[in-house]
Amino acid sequence: MSLPVLVAIVVLGIALSVAAVHFTGGSKMATLDSRDEALRRFAEDFPDEAITAVRLTADARTAFLDIGRGRVGIVHGIGDCFLTRIVAAADVAMSKADEANTILMRLTDFTWKGGRFRFANAADAQAMLNALGPRDTSSTEEAA
């Protein structure tokens, strides 16, 4: 068999494999249809946590759940699955992005580094910054 024919067979085989994965749902991205779905998905991994508020991102791929005691639960779509985490302010570096209603989150967890999250409204973005944003830990001098 000549080299050009072998190369053509290999390229065609790879293209057919990629197409088969795509058309059978392998490239589907997981999204959260509602706040209730985010609550259910988070409760599968953390059934004992009490959630007080749920904030979905504009693309419905991530939900942030207020769970109290300075912690936030996260449900994030990766591929066709969901990743869940509980984070505290010490676990993340938060900042406001240049885009409206967008925050940047960098986690200390090596399995997921965080990302850029855009919310439908400024109130949700600000609530996340308030919950996990930088704290002023400097102490004031005592009066003499």
Protein backbone atom coordinates (compact mmCIF):
# COMPACT_ATOMS: atom_id res chain seq x y z
CA MET A 1 0.00 0.00 0.00
CA SER A 2 1.38 3.39 -0.91
CA LEU A 3 2.01 6.08 1.70
CA PRO A 4 -0.58 8.59 0.33
CA VAL A 5 -3.32 5.91 0.48
CA LEU A 6 -2.33 4.99 4.06
CA VAL A 7 -2.38 8.66 5.13
CA ALA A 8 -5.82 9.12 3.55
CA ILE A 9 -7.20 6.07 5.38
CA VAL A 10 -5.83 7.29 8.73
CA VAL A 11 -7.19 10.82 8.25
CA LEU A 12 -10.60 9.48 7.21
CA GLY A 13 -10.65 7.13 10.22
CA ILE A 14 -9.87 9.94 12.65
CA ALA A 15 -12.48 12.22 11.08
CA LEU A 16 -15.14 9.50 11.30
CA SER A 17 -14.25 8.82 14.96
CA VAL A 18 -14.54 12.52 15.86
CA ALA A 19 -17.85 12.80 13.99
CA ALA A 20 -19.23 9.71 15.74
CA VAL A 21 -18.36 11.12 19.18
CA HIS A 22 -19.92 14.49 18.31
CA PHE A 23 -23.16 13.12 16.88
CA THR A 24 -23.69 10.69 19.78
CA GLY A 25 -23.62 13.58 22.28
CA GLY A 26 -19.96 13.52 23.26
CA SER A 27 -19.51 17.26 22.69
CA LYS A 28 -22.65 18.27 24.61
CA MET A 29 -22.10 20.90 27.29
CA ALA A 30 -23.87 20.47 30.64
CA THR A 31 -26.15 23.35 31.58
CA LEU A 32 -28.44 24.01 34.51
CA ASP A 33 -32.05 24.48 33.45
CA SER A 34 -33.14 26.14 36.70
CA ARG A 35 -32.20 27.05 40.23
CA ASP A 36 -33.99 23.88 41.40
CA GLU A 37 -31.77 21.73 39.20
CA ALA A 38 -28.70 23.39 40.73
CA LEU A 39 -30.07 22.69 44.21
CA ARG A 40 -30.73 19.03 43.37
CA ARG A 41 -27.31 18.55 41.80
CA PHE A 42 -25.51 20.16 44.77
CA ALA A 43 -27.57 18.11 47.26
CA GLU A 44 -26.36 14.88 45.62
CA ASP A 45 -22.82 15.60 46.81
CA PHE A 46 -23.55 17.71 49.90
CA PRO A 47 -26.93 16.61 51.32
CA ASP A 48 -26.44 18.21 54.76
CA GLU A 49 -25.86 21.77 53.55
CA ALA A 50 -28.63 24.37 53.88
CA ILE A 51 -28.78 26.70 50.88
CA THR A 52 -30.10 30.23 51.35
CA ALA A 53 -29.70 31.61 47.80
CA VAL A 54 -28.85 30.38 44.30
CA ARG A 55 -27.23 32.55 41.61
CA LEU A 56 -26.95 31.23 38.05
CA THR A 57 -24.52 32.59 35.51
CA ALA A 58 -25.89 34.02 32.27
CA ASP A 59 -24.80 30.96 30.26
CA ALA A 60 -26.42 28.59 32.83
CA ARG A 61 -23.21 26.56 33.13
CA THR A 62 -22.47 27.56 36.73
CA ALA A 63 -24.48 28.11 39.90
CA PHE A 64 -23.23 29.70 43.10
CA LEU A 65 -25.10 28.70 46.25
CA ASP A 66 -24.94 30.61 49.54
CA ILE A 67 -24.52 28.05 52.32
CA GLY A 68 -23.58 30.31 55.23
CA ARG A 69 -20.59 30.46 57.57
CA GLY A 70 -18.59 32.34 54.93
CA ARG A 71 -18.82 29.52 52.41
CA VAL A 72 -20.27 29.22 48.91
CA GLY A 73 -21.23 26.07 47.03
CA ILE A 74 -20.44 25.84 43.31
CA VAL A 75 -22.05 23.66 40.65
CA HIS A 76 -20.14 24.01 37.37
CA GLY A 77 -20.66 22.22 34.07
CA ILE A 78 -17.56 20.59 32.62
CA GLY A 79 -18.24 18.71 29.42
CA ASP A 80 -21.48 16.80 29.96
CA CYS A 81 -20.94 16.43 33.73
CA PHE A 82 -21.11 18.70 36.77
CA LEU A 83 -18.37 19.54 39.23
CA THR A 84 -19.39 20.58 42.75
CA ARG A 85 -17.27 22.40 45.31
CA ILE A 86 -17.61 24.26 48.59
CA VAL A 87 -15.24 27.19 48.86
CA ALA A 88 -14.49 29.89 51.41
CA ALA A 89 -12.87 33.28 50.91
CA ALA A 90 -9.47 31.79 51.83
CA ASP A 91 -9.79 29.31 48.95
CA VAL A 92 -10.25 31.86 46.16
CA ALA A 93 -8.95 35.08 44.70
CA MET A 94 -11.86 37.18 43.41
CA SER A 95 -11.88 40.27 41.25
CA LYS A 96 -14.27 42.21 39.09
CA ALA A 97 -13.70 41.81 35.36
CA ASP A 98 -13.72 44.60 32.78
CA GLU A 99 -17.04 43.36 31.39
CA ALA A 100 -20.30 44.31 33.10
CA ASN A 101 -21.75 41.76 35.56
CA THR A 102 -18.61 39.61 35.32
CA ILE A 103 -16.28 38.30 38.00
CA LEU A 104 -12.98 36.45 37.85
CA MET A 105 -12.43 33.63 40.31
CA ARG A 106 -9.15 31.81 40.84
CA LEU A 107 -9.23 28.78 43.15
CA THR A 108 -6.34 27.25 45.07
CA ASP A 109 -7.70 23.77 44.20
CA PHE A 110 -5.46 22.17 41.57
CA THR A 111 -8.32 20.13 40.07
CA TRP A 112 -10.22 23.22 38.92
CA LYS A 113 -8.73 26.68 38.68
CA GLY A 114 -11.98 28.67 38.42
CA GLY A 115 -12.65 31.08 35.58
CA ARG A 116 -14.64 34.05 34.32
CA PHE A 117 -18.31 34.11 35.28
CA ARG A 118 -20.88 36.50 33.79
CA PHE A 119 -24.19 37.01 35.57
CA ALA A 120 -27.45 38.32 34.16
CA ASN A 121 -27.44 41.24 36.59
CA ALA A 122 -24.97 43.33 38.55
CA ALA A 123 -26.55 42.42 41.91
CA ASP A 124 -25.58 38.74 41.57
CA ALA A 125 -22.01 39.60 40.55
CA GLN A 126 -21.67 42.02 43.45
CA ALA A 127 -23.12 39.48 45.89
CA MET A 128 -20.43 36.99 44.85
CA LEU A 129 -17.71 39.59 45.26
CA ASN A 130 -19.07 40.42 48.71
CA ALA A 131 -19.28 36.75 49.73
CA LEU A 132 -15.83 35.67 48.54
CA GLY A 133 -13.98 38.87 47.74
CA PRO A 134 -10.88 40.17 49.46
CA ARG A 135 -11.25 41.11 53.10
CA ASP A 136 -9.50 43.98 54.84
CA THR A 137 -7.63 42.18 57.59
CA SER A 138 -5.43 45.09 58.63
CA SER A 139 -5.86 46.04 62.24
CA THR A 140 -6.18 49.60 63.41
CA GLU A 141 -3.79 50.98 65.94
CA GLU A 142 -5.07 51.05 69.46
CA ALA A 143 -5.61 54.45 71.02
CA ALA A 144 -2.88 55.40 73.48
